[in-house]
Amino acid sequence: MTFEEVLKQALKKYEKQKGKEQVQEELEQYLQYAEAEKRRYGIKFEEGV
């Protein structure tokens, strides 16, 4: 099982526990935070890594 498959499986399990809407909101907040940190520190993330 690849790391990506493990993450997808964990996300599905988490969605069942918390509810899909709540999880989507948390992911959006995290992505906004990550974008802010990226700008703050000038971090470059590569797509598909």
C-alpha atoms as a PDB file:
ATOM      1  CA  MET A   1       0.000   0.000   0.000  1.00  0.00           C
ATOM      2  CA  THR A   2       1.402   3.371  -0.996  1.00  0.00           C
ATOM      3  CA  PHE A   3       1.553   6.375   1.300  1.00  0.00           C
ATOM      4  CA  GLU A   4      -1.145   8.068  -0.799  1.00  0.00           C
ATOM      5  CA  GLU A   5      -3.473   5.071  -0.394  1.00  0.00           C
ATOM      6  CA  VAL A   6      -2.927   5.105   3.362  1.00  0.00           C
ATOM      7  CA  LEU A   7      -3.780   8.818   3.482  1.00  0.00           C
ATOM      8  CA  LYS A   8      -6.940   8.333   1.409  1.00  0.00           C
ATOM      9  CA  GLN A   9      -8.054   5.468   3.648  1.00  0.00           C
ATOM     10  CA  ALA A  10      -7.393   7.542   6.774  1.00  0.00           C
ATOM     11  CA  LEU A  11      -9.336  10.476   5.316  1.00  0.00           C
ATOM     12  CA  LYS A  12     -12.363   8.256   4.606  1.00  0.00           C
ATOM     13  CA  LYS A  13     -12.282   6.904   8.168  1.00  0.00           C
ATOM     14  CA  TYR A  14     -11.970  10.430   9.570  1.00  0.00           C
ATOM     15  CA  GLU A  15     -14.884  11.625   7.414  1.00  0.00           C
ATOM     16  CA  LYS A  16     -17.072   8.836   8.809  1.00  0.00           C
ATOM     17  CA  GLN A  17     -16.229   9.897  12.365  1.00  0.00           C
ATOM     18  CA  LYS A  18     -16.579  13.667  11.970  1.00  0.00           C
ATOM     19  CA  GLY A  19     -18.833  14.088   8.976  1.00  0.00           C
ATOM     20  CA  LYS A  20     -17.810  15.094   5.481  1.00  0.00           C
ATOM     21  CA  GLU A  21     -18.744  18.786   5.831  1.00  0.00           C
ATOM     22  CA  GLN A  22     -16.661  19.237   8.988  1.00  0.00           C
ATOM     23  CA  VAL A  23     -13.654  17.522   7.408  1.00  0.00           C
ATOM     24  CA  GLN A  24     -13.880  19.711   4.279  1.00  0.00           C
ATOM     25  CA  GLU A  25     -13.925  22.840   6.464  1.00  0.00           C
ATOM     26  CA  GLU A  26     -10.870  21.623   8.397  1.00  0.00           C
ATOM     27  CA  LEU A  27      -9.012  20.855   5.155  1.00  0.00           C
ATOM     28  CA  GLU A  28      -9.816  24.324   3.767  1.00  0.00           C
ATOM     29  CA  GLN A  29      -8.524  25.951   6.956  1.00  0.00           C
ATOM     30  CA  TYR A  30      -5.354  23.866   6.823  1.00  0.00           C
ATOM     31  CA  LEU A  31      -4.760  24.731   3.148  1.00  0.00           C
ATOM     32  CA  GLN A  32      -5.189  28.442   3.896  1.00  0.00           C
ATOM     33  CA  TYR A  33      -2.699  28.123   6.762  1.00  0.00           C
ATOM     34  CA  ALA A  34      -0.227  26.220   4.557  1.00  0.00           C
ATOM     35  CA  GLU A  35      -0.489  28.886   1.836  1.00  0.00           C
ATOM     36  CA  ALA A  36       0.146  31.643   4.390  1.00  0.00           C
ATOM     37  CA  GLU A  37       3.190  29.796   5.770  1.00  0.00           C
ATOM     38  CA  LYS A  38       4.459  29.177   2.250  1.00  0.00           C
ATOM     39  CA  ARG A  39       4.311  32.909   1.494  1.00  0.00           C
ATOM     40  CA  ARG A  40       5.776  33.798   4.878  1.00  0.00           C
ATOM     41  CA  TYR A  41       8.809  31.555   4.562  1.00  0.00           C
ATOM     42  CA  GLY A  42       9.097  31.441   0.783  1.00  0.00           C
ATOM     43  CA  ILE A  43       8.723  27.656   0.784  1.00  0.00           C
ATOM     44  CA  LYS A  44       8.295  26.013  -2.591  1.00  0.00           C
ATOM     45  CA  PHE A  45       6.141  22.892  -2.686  1.00  0.00           C
ATOM     46  CA  GLU A  46       6.358  20.693  -5.741  1.00  0.00           C
ATOM     47  CA  GLU A  47       3.156  19.373  -7.266  1.00  0.00           C
ATOM     48  CA  GLY A  48       2.740  15.602  -7.249  1.00  0.00           C
ATOM     49  CA  VAL A  49       5.394  14.923  -4.648  1.00  0.00           C
END
